[in-house]
C-alpha cells in the first residue's frame, strides 16, 4: 500500500457525517423530553414552514424514504401532533395538517434546534459561517442536490 492511498480521516464525507451525527444526537437528547426524535422534529418543522403538505413532500424535504415517513407519521398521529386527510378530488392523495398542540410545541422545539446549532457554530465568525454555508451548498450541488434555493427560503 502506498503512502498516498486515500485515508478515511481525509474524507470530507466522514467528517461531515460525524458532525451531523453529533448535532443530531445533541438535539435528540433534548427532544426526548418531548417524546420526539430528530427526524420527527424535522418532519414537523417542514410541515410548520409550509414546505411539506403530503407524506411524499415530507420524505423529499427531510431526506427519508416514504415507508419510514409513513411509520413516523403514524407515531406523530398517535401523539395527536399530525392529522391526515384524504383529498376530496383524489383519495390517493393524503394531506397533512399539524394539530393545535403541534403548532404550539414546534415553536419550542425550533428554539431548541436553533440553540443547538448556535452551540456548534459558536466558534465561527460570521464570515466563516457564511463561507461554510456557501461551500456546503456548492458541495451539495456537485452531488446533484440543489439546496441553495431551500436554504434561501429559510433565511
N, C-alpha and C. Protein backbone atom coordinates (compact mmCIF):
# COMPACT_ATOMS: atom_id res chain seq x y z
N UNK A 1 0.84 -1.18 0.00
CA UNK A 1 0.00 0.00 0.00
C UNK A 1 0.89 1.24 0.00
N UNK A 2 0.64 2.14 -0.91
CA UNK A 2 1.45 3.36 -0.97
C UNK A 2 1.00 4.35 0.09
N UNK A 3 1.88 5.30 0.41
CA UNK A 3 1.56 6.32 1.41
C UNK A 3 0.48 7.28 0.91
N UNK A 4 0.25 7.30 -0.39
CA UNK A 4 -0.72 8.24 -0.95
C UNK A 4 -2.13 7.66 -1.03
N UNK A 5 -2.31 6.44 -0.53
CA UNK A 5 -3.65 5.87 -0.51
C UNK A 5 -4.58 6.77 0.29
N UNK A 6 -5.78 6.88 -0.19
CA UNK A 6 -6.77 7.75 0.48
C UNK A 6 -7.09 7.21 1.86
N UNK A 7 -7.03 8.05 2.84
CA UNK A 7 -7.27 7.68 4.24
C UNK A 7 -8.64 8.18 4.67
N UNK A 8 -9.35 7.38 5.44
CA UNK A 8 -10.68 7.74 5.93
C UNK A 8 -10.70 9.13 6.56
N UNK A 9 -9.70 9.45 7.34
CA UNK A 9 -9.69 10.73 8.06
C UNK A 9 -9.36 11.92 7.17
N UNK A 10 -9.15 11.67 5.89
CA UNK A 10 -9.04 12.76 4.91
C UNK A 10 -10.34 12.91 4.11
N UNK A 11 -11.36 12.18 4.51
CA UNK A 11 -12.64 12.17 3.80
C UNK A 11 -13.57 13.24 4.36
N UNK A 12 -14.00 14.15 3.51
CA UNK A 12 -14.99 15.15 3.93
C UNK A 12 -16.29 14.46 4.32
N UNK A 13 -16.66 13.40 3.61
CA UNK A 13 -17.89 12.68 3.93
C UNK A 13 -17.84 12.15 5.36
N UNK A 14 -16.69 11.64 5.77
CA UNK A 14 -16.54 11.12 7.13
C UNK A 14 -16.77 12.23 8.15
N UNK A 15 -16.09 13.36 7.97
CA UNK A 15 -16.17 14.44 8.97
C UNK A 15 -17.53 15.15 8.95
N UNK A 16 -18.11 15.33 7.78
CA UNK A 16 -19.44 15.95 7.71
C UNK A 16 -20.46 15.02 8.36
N UNK A 17 -20.33 13.73 8.12
CA UNK A 17 -21.23 12.76 8.73
C UNK A 17 -21.08 12.75 10.25
N UNK A 18 -19.84 12.80 10.73
CA UNK A 18 -19.61 12.84 12.19
C UNK A 18 -20.21 14.09 12.80
N UNK A 19 -20.03 15.22 12.14
CA UNK A 19 -20.59 16.48 12.65
C UNK A 19 -22.11 16.41 12.69
N UNK A 20 -22.72 15.94 11.61
CA UNK A 20 -24.18 15.83 11.56
C UNK A 20 -24.67 14.89 12.66
N UNK A 21 -23.97 13.79 12.85
CA UNK A 21 -24.34 12.84 13.89
C UNK A 21 -24.27 13.49 15.27
N UNK A 22 -23.21 14.23 15.54
CA UNK A 22 -23.07 14.91 16.84
C UNK A 22 -24.18 15.93 17.06
N UNK A 23 -24.48 16.71 16.03
CA UNK A 23 -25.53 17.72 16.15
C UNK A 23 -26.89 17.06 16.38
N UNK A 24 -27.17 16.00 15.63
CA UNK A 24 -28.45 15.32 15.77
C UNK A 24 -28.57 14.65 17.14
N UNK A 25 -27.48 14.04 17.62
CA UNK A 25 -27.52 13.40 18.93
C UNK A 25 -27.77 14.41 20.04
N UNK A 26 -27.14 15.57 19.95
CA UNK A 26 -27.35 16.58 20.98
C UNK A 26 -28.81 17.06 20.98
N UNK A 27 -29.35 17.31 19.79
CA UNK A 27 -30.75 17.73 19.71
C UNK A 27 -31.68 16.60 20.14
N UNK A 28 -31.37 15.36 19.73
CA UNK A 28 -32.18 14.20 20.14
C UNK A 28 -32.30 14.11 21.65
N UNK A 29 -31.20 14.36 22.34
CA UNK A 29 -31.19 14.31 23.80
C UNK A 29 -32.22 15.28 24.38
N UNK A 30 -32.32 16.46 23.80
CA UNK A 30 -33.27 17.46 24.28
C UNK A 30 -34.70 17.13 23.83
N UNK A 31 -34.84 16.56 22.65
CA UNK A 31 -36.17 16.23 22.13
C UNK A 31 -36.82 15.07 22.88
N UNK A 32 -35.98 14.20 23.47
CA UNK A 32 -36.52 13.04 24.21
C UNK A 32 -37.49 13.48 25.29
N UNK A 33 -37.23 14.62 25.91
CA UNK A 33 -38.13 15.12 26.96
C UNK A 33 -39.53 15.38 26.41
N UNK A 34 -39.63 15.56 25.10
CA UNK A 34 -40.92 15.82 24.45
C UNK A 34 -41.45 14.56 23.74
N UNK A 35 -40.74 13.45 23.89
CA UNK A 35 -41.16 12.19 23.27
C UNK A 35 -40.95 12.15 21.77
N UNK A 36 -39.98 12.94 21.28
CA UNK A 36 -39.74 13.03 19.83
C UNK A 36 -38.28 12.76 19.51
N UNK A 37 -38.03 12.43 18.25
CA UNK A 37 -36.68 12.25 17.73
C UNK A 37 -36.34 13.40 16.78
N UNK A 38 -35.07 13.45 16.40
CA UNK A 38 -34.62 14.48 15.46
C UNK A 38 -35.43 14.40 14.17
N UNK A 39 -35.63 13.19 13.66
CA UNK A 39 -36.33 13.03 12.38
C UNK A 39 -37.80 13.44 12.50
N UNK A 40 -38.41 13.16 13.64
CA UNK A 40 -39.80 13.59 13.84
C UNK A 40 -39.88 15.12 13.93
N UNK A 41 -38.91 15.72 14.63
CA UNK A 41 -38.86 17.19 14.67
C UNK A 41 -38.71 17.74 13.25
N UNK A 42 -37.83 17.13 12.45
CA UNK A 42 -37.61 17.60 11.08
C UNK A 42 -38.91 17.56 10.28
N UNK A 43 -39.68 16.49 10.43
CA UNK A 43 -40.96 16.37 9.72
C UNK A 43 -41.93 17.46 10.17
N UNK A 44 -42.05 17.65 11.48
CA UNK A 44 -42.93 18.70 11.99
C UNK A 44 -42.47 20.07 11.51
N UNK A 45 -41.16 20.27 11.46
CA UNK A 45 -40.61 21.57 11.06
C UNK A 45 -40.96 21.91 9.62
N UNK A 46 -40.79 20.95 8.70
CA UNK A 46 -41.08 21.27 7.29
C UNK A 46 -42.58 21.45 7.07
N UNK A 47 -43.39 20.76 7.86
CA UNK A 47 -44.84 20.99 7.77
C UNK A 47 -45.19 22.37 8.34
N UNK A 48 -44.58 22.71 9.45
CA UNK A 48 -44.82 24.02 10.09
C UNK A 48 -44.49 25.18 9.14
N UNK A 49 -43.41 25.02 8.38
CA UNK A 49 -42.98 26.08 7.47
C UNK A 49 -43.64 26.01 6.10
N UNK A 50 -44.59 25.10 5.93
CA UNK A 50 -45.34 25.02 4.68
C UNK A 50 -44.58 24.40 3.52
N UNK A 51 -43.45 23.75 3.80
CA UNK A 51 -42.66 23.13 2.73
C UNK A 51 -43.21 21.76 2.35
N UNK A 52 -43.94 21.12 3.26
CA UNK A 52 -44.44 19.77 3.01
C UNK A 52 -45.89 19.67 3.47
N UNK A 53 -46.75 19.29 2.53
CA UNK A 53 -48.17 19.13 2.84
C UNK A 53 -48.65 17.70 2.61
N UNK A 54 -47.74 16.85 2.10
CA UNK A 54 -48.06 15.44 1.85
C UNK A 54 -46.91 14.58 2.39
N UNK A 55 -47.16 13.29 2.63
CA UNK A 55 -46.08 12.42 3.08
C UNK A 55 -44.89 12.39 2.10
N UNK A 56 -45.17 12.40 0.81
CA UNK A 56 -44.09 12.39 -0.19
C UNK A 56 -43.23 13.65 -0.07
N UNK A 57 -43.86 14.78 0.17
CA UNK A 57 -43.11 16.03 0.32
C UNK A 57 -42.28 16.02 1.60
N UNK A 58 -42.82 15.44 2.67
CA UNK A 58 -42.04 15.31 3.91
C UNK A 58 -40.80 14.47 3.62
N UNK A 59 -40.99 13.32 2.96
CA UNK A 59 -39.86 12.44 2.65
C UNK A 59 -38.80 13.18 1.84
N UNK A 60 -39.23 13.93 0.84
CA UNK A 60 -38.30 14.67 0.00
C UNK A 60 -37.53 15.72 0.80
N UNK A 61 -38.22 16.45 1.65
CA UNK A 61 -37.59 17.57 2.35
C UNK A 61 -36.71 17.15 3.52
N UNK A 62 -36.96 15.98 4.10
CA UNK A 62 -36.10 15.57 5.22
C UNK A 62 -35.11 14.49 4.81
N UNK A 63 -35.16 14.05 3.55
CA UNK A 63 -34.19 13.07 3.06
C UNK A 63 -34.42 11.67 3.61
N UNK A 64 -35.68 11.28 3.72
CA UNK A 64 -36.02 9.94 4.21
C UNK A 64 -36.86 9.22 3.17
N UNK A 65 -36.89 7.89 3.24
CA UNK A 65 -37.73 7.17 2.28
C UNK A 65 -39.18 7.21 2.75
N UNK A 66 -40.07 6.98 1.80
CA UNK A 66 -41.51 7.14 2.07
C UNK A 66 -42.04 6.18 3.12
N UNK A 67 -41.53 4.95 3.14
CA UNK A 67 -42.03 3.99 4.14
C UNK A 67 -41.63 4.42 5.55
N UNK A 68 -40.43 4.97 5.70
CA UNK A 68 -40.00 5.50 7.00
C UNK A 68 -40.90 6.65 7.42
N UNK A 69 -41.21 7.53 6.48
CA UNK A 69 -42.06 8.68 6.78
C UNK A 69 -43.47 8.22 7.15
N UNK A 70 -43.99 7.22 6.47
CA UNK A 70 -45.32 6.71 6.79
C UNK A 70 -45.37 6.21 8.23
N UNK A 71 -44.37 5.43 8.65
CA UNK A 71 -44.33 4.93 10.03
C UNK A 71 -44.17 6.08 11.02
N UNK A 72 -43.35 7.06 10.66
CA UNK A 72 -43.16 8.22 11.53
C UNK A 72 -44.46 9.00 11.67
N UNK A 73 -45.17 9.19 10.57
CA UNK A 73 -46.45 9.91 10.63
C UNK A 73 -47.48 9.15 11.45
N UNK A 74 -47.43 7.81 11.41
CA UNK A 74 -48.31 7.00 12.27
C UNK A 74 -48.07 7.35 13.73
N UNK A 75 -46.79 7.42 14.13
CA UNK A 75 -46.46 7.76 15.52
C UNK A 75 -46.88 9.18 15.87
N UNK A 76 -46.62 10.12 14.96
CA UNK A 76 -47.00 11.51 15.21
C UNK A 76 -48.51 11.67 15.29
N UNK A 77 -49.22 10.86 14.52
CA UNK A 77 -50.69 10.90 14.57
C UNK A 77 -51.18 10.34 15.92
N UNK A 78 -50.54 9.24 16.39
CA UNK A 78 -50.91 8.67 17.69
C UNK A 78 -50.62 9.66 18.83
N UNK A 79 -49.62 10.51 18.65
CA UNK A 79 -49.27 11.52 19.65
C UNK A 79 -50.13 12.77 19.51
N UNK A 80 -51.08 12.74 18.60
CA UNK A 80 -52.00 13.86 18.34
C UNK A 80 -51.26 15.12 17.92
N UNK A 81 -50.21 14.93 17.10
CA UNK A 81 -49.45 16.07 16.58
C UNK A 81 -49.73 16.32 15.10
N UNK A 82 -50.16 15.28 14.39
CA UNK A 82 -50.42 15.37 12.95
C UNK A 82 -51.77 14.74 12.66
N UNK A 83 -52.48 15.33 11.71
CA UNK A 83 -53.73 14.75 11.21
C UNK A 83 -53.56 14.51 9.71
N UNK A 84 -54.08 13.37 9.26
CA UNK A 84 -54.09 13.06 7.83
C UNK A 84 -55.51 13.26 7.31
N UNK A 85 -55.58 13.76 6.09
CA UNK A 85 -56.88 13.98 5.46
C UNK A 85 -56.76 13.58 4.00
N UNK A 86 -57.70 12.76 3.54
CA UNK A 86 -57.70 12.38 2.12
C UNK A 86 -58.24 13.53 1.30
N UNK A 87 -57.61 13.77 0.17
CA UNK A 87 -58.02 14.84 -0.74
C UNK A 87 -59.42 14.54 -1.26
N UNK A 88 -60.26 15.55 -1.33
CA UNK A 88 -61.63 15.37 -1.79
C UNK A 88 -61.73 14.96 -3.25
N UNK A 89 -60.77 15.38 -4.08
CA UNK A 89 -60.81 15.06 -5.50
C UNK A 89 -60.10 13.75 -5.83
N UNK A 90 -59.04 13.45 -5.09
CA UNK A 90 -58.26 12.24 -5.36
C UNK A 90 -57.92 11.59 -4.02
N UNK A 91 -58.65 10.53 -3.67
CA UNK A 91 -58.48 9.91 -2.35
C UNK A 91 -57.11 9.28 -2.17
N UNK A 92 -56.35 9.10 -3.25
CA UNK A 92 -54.99 8.57 -3.12
C UNK A 92 -54.07 9.60 -2.50
N UNK A 93 -54.44 10.87 -2.62
CA UNK A 93 -53.61 11.96 -2.09
C UNK A 93 -53.97 12.19 -0.63
N UNK A 94 -52.95 12.16 0.22
CA UNK A 94 -53.13 12.40 1.65
C UNK A 94 -52.53 13.75 1.98
N UNK A 95 -53.32 14.60 2.58
CA UNK A 95 -52.86 15.93 3.03
C UNK A 95 -52.55 15.84 4.52
N UNK A 96 -51.50 16.53 4.93
CA UNK A 96 -51.09 16.54 6.33
C UNK A 96 -51.38 17.88 6.96
N UNK A 97 -51.78 17.84 8.22
CA UNK A 97 -52.04 19.06 8.98
C UNK A 97 -51.46 18.91 10.37
N UNK A 98 -50.83 19.96 10.87
CA UNK A 98 -50.39 19.97 12.26
C UNK A 98 -51.59 20.26 13.15
N UNK A 99 -51.64 19.60 14.29
CA UNK A 99 -52.69 19.89 15.26
C UNK A 99 -52.32 21.18 16.01
N UNK A 100 -53.27 21.70 16.75
CA UNK A 100 -53.00 22.90 17.55
C UNK A 100 -51.87 22.66 18.53
N UNK A 101 -51.86 21.48 19.16
CA UNK A 101 -50.78 21.20 20.12
C UNK A 101 -49.43 21.12 19.42
N UNK A 102 -49.39 20.60 18.20
CA UNK A 102 -48.13 20.55 17.45
C UNK A 102 -47.66 21.94 17.08
N UNK A 103 -48.58 22.80 16.69
CA UNK A 103 -48.20 24.18 16.33
C UNK A 103 -47.59 24.91 17.52
N UNK A 104 -48.10 24.64 18.70
CA UNK A 104 -47.55 25.25 19.91
C UNK A 104 -46.18 24.64 20.23
N UNK A 105 -46.10 23.30 20.16
CA UNK A 105 -44.88 22.58 20.50
C UNK A 105 -43.74 22.91 19.56
N UNK A 106 -44.02 23.01 18.26
CA UNK A 106 -42.94 23.20 17.28
C UNK A 106 -42.18 24.50 17.53
N UNK A 107 -42.84 25.50 18.04
CA UNK A 107 -42.15 26.76 18.34
C UNK A 107 -41.08 26.54 19.39
N UNK A 108 -41.40 25.78 20.43
CA UNK A 108 -40.42 25.47 21.47
C UNK A 108 -39.30 24.58 20.93
N UNK A 109 -39.68 23.59 20.13
CA UNK A 109 -38.68 22.68 19.57
C UNK A 109 -37.73 23.41 18.63
N UNK A 110 -38.26 24.34 17.85
CA UNK A 110 -37.40 25.11 16.95
C UNK A 110 -36.40 25.95 17.73
N UNK A 111 -36.79 26.45 18.89
CA UNK A 111 -35.85 27.19 19.74
C UNK A 111 -34.73 26.28 20.23
N UNK A 112 -35.08 25.04 20.60
CA UNK A 112 -34.06 24.06 20.99
C UNK A 112 -33.10 23.78 19.84
N UNK A 113 -33.65 23.60 18.64
CA UNK A 113 -32.82 23.32 17.47
C UNK A 113 -31.91 24.49 17.15
N UNK A 114 -32.44 25.70 17.25
CA UNK A 114 -31.64 26.89 16.97
C UNK A 114 -30.52 27.04 18.00
N UNK A 115 -30.82 26.76 19.25
CA UNK A 115 -29.81 26.84 20.31
C UNK A 115 -28.71 25.80 20.09
N UNK A 116 -29.11 24.59 19.73
CA UNK A 116 -28.14 23.52 19.46
C UNK A 116 -27.23 23.90 18.31
N UNK A 117 -27.81 24.41 17.24
CA UNK A 117 -26.99 24.83 16.09
C UNK A 117 -26.04 25.94 16.49
N UNK A 118 -26.52 26.90 17.26
CA UNK A 118 -25.68 28.02 17.69
C UNK A 118 -24.49 27.54 18.51
N UNK A 119 -24.68 26.50 19.32
CA UNK A 119 -23.58 25.95 20.11
C UNK A 119 -22.48 25.43 19.19
N UNK A 120 -22.86 24.76 18.12
CA UNK A 120 -21.88 24.20 17.21
C UNK A 120 -21.22 25.27 16.34
N UNK A 121 -21.92 26.35 16.09
CA UNK A 121 -21.37 27.43 15.26
C UNK A 121 -20.67 28.51 16.08
N UNK A 122 -20.66 28.37 17.38
CA UNK A 122 -20.19 29.45 18.26
C UNK A 122 -18.74 29.86 18.03
N UNK A 123 -17.92 28.97 17.52
CA UNK A 123 -16.52 29.32 17.31
C UNK A 123 -16.24 29.89 15.93
N UNK A 124 -17.28 29.98 15.11
CA UNK A 124 -17.09 30.52 13.76
C UNK A 124 -17.48 31.99 13.70
N UNK A 125 -16.58 32.85 13.24
CA UNK A 125 -17.00 34.23 12.99
C UNK A 125 -18.00 34.24 11.82
N UNK A 126 -18.78 35.30 11.71
CA UNK A 126 -19.85 35.34 10.70
C UNK A 126 -19.33 35.12 9.29
N UNK A 127 -18.12 35.61 8.99
CA UNK A 127 -17.58 35.40 7.64
C UNK A 127 -17.31 33.92 7.38
N UNK A 128 -16.81 33.21 8.39
CA UNK A 128 -16.57 31.78 8.22
C UNK A 128 -17.88 31.01 8.13
N UNK A 129 -18.88 31.43 8.90
CA UNK A 129 -20.20 30.80 8.82
C UNK A 129 -20.76 30.94 7.41
N UNK A 130 -20.73 32.15 6.87
CA UNK A 130 -21.25 32.36 5.51
C UNK A 130 -20.45 31.55 4.49
N UNK A 131 -19.13 31.48 4.68
CA UNK A 131 -18.30 30.70 3.78
C UNK A 131 -18.62 29.21 3.86
N UNK A 132 -18.81 28.72 5.07
CA UNK A 132 -19.17 27.31 5.26
C UNK A 132 -20.51 27.01 4.59
N UNK A 133 -21.46 27.87 4.82
CA UNK A 133 -22.79 27.70 4.23
C UNK A 133 -22.69 27.67 2.70
N UNK A 134 -21.96 28.60 2.12
CA UNK A 134 -21.78 28.64 0.67
C UNK A 134 -21.08 27.40 0.16
N UNK A 135 -20.06 26.94 0.88
CA UNK A 135 -19.33 25.74 0.47
C UNK A 135 -20.22 24.51 0.52
N UNK A 136 -21.03 24.39 1.56
CA UNK A 136 -21.94 23.25 1.65
C UNK A 136 -22.94 23.24 0.50
N UNK A 137 -23.48 24.40 0.17
CA UNK A 137 -24.42 24.49 -0.96
C UNK A 137 -23.74 24.03 -2.25
N UNK A 138 -22.50 24.48 -2.47
CA UNK A 138 -21.77 24.09 -3.69
C UNK A 138 -21.48 22.59 -3.70
N UNK A 139 -21.09 22.03 -2.55
CA UNK A 139 -20.80 20.60 -2.49
C UNK A 139 -22.07 19.78 -2.72
N UNK A 140 -23.18 20.21 -2.15
CA UNK A 140 -24.45 19.51 -2.39
C UNK A 140 -24.85 19.58 -3.86
N UNK A 141 -24.66 20.74 -4.47
CA UNK A 141 -24.97 20.90 -5.90
C UNK A 141 -24.10 19.95 -6.73
N UNK A 142 -22.82 19.85 -6.38
CA UNK A 142 -21.93 18.95 -7.11
C UNK A 142 -22.38 17.50 -6.97
N UNK A 143 -23.06 17.19 -5.86
CA UNK A 143 -23.59 15.85 -5.65
C UNK A 143 -24.98 15.64 -6.22
N UNK A 144 -25.53 16.67 -6.86
CA UNK A 144 -26.83 16.53 -7.51
C UNK A 144 -28.02 17.02 -6.71
N UNK A 145 -27.76 17.70 -5.59
CA UNK A 145 -28.86 18.22 -4.76
C UNK A 145 -28.79 19.73 -4.74
N UNK A 146 -29.84 20.36 -5.22
CA UNK A 146 -29.89 21.83 -5.26
C UNK A 146 -30.48 22.32 -3.94
N UNK A 147 -29.62 22.63 -2.98
CA UNK A 147 -30.07 23.05 -1.65
C UNK A 147 -30.07 24.55 -1.49
N UNK A 148 -29.42 25.27 -2.38
CA UNK A 148 -29.31 26.72 -2.24
C UNK A 148 -30.65 27.42 -2.18
N UNK A 149 -31.58 27.00 -3.04
CA UNK A 149 -32.89 27.66 -3.04
C UNK A 149 -33.68 27.32 -1.77
N UNK A 150 -33.50 26.13 -1.22
CA UNK A 150 -34.16 25.80 0.05
C UNK A 150 -33.58 26.63 1.18
N UNK A 151 -32.26 26.75 1.19
CA UNK A 151 -31.61 27.49 2.26
C UNK A 151 -32.07 28.95 2.23
N UNK A 152 -32.21 29.50 1.03
CA UNK A 152 -32.66 30.89 0.93
C UNK A 152 -34.09 31.06 1.44
N UNK A 153 -34.93 30.03 1.26
CA UNK A 153 -36.31 30.11 1.74
C UNK A 153 -36.37 30.27 3.25
N UNK A 154 -35.36 29.76 3.92
CA UNK A 154 -35.40 29.73 5.38
C UNK A 154 -34.57 30.82 6.02
N UNK A 155 -33.91 31.64 5.23
CA UNK A 155 -33.04 32.67 5.81
C UNK A 155 -33.85 33.82 6.36
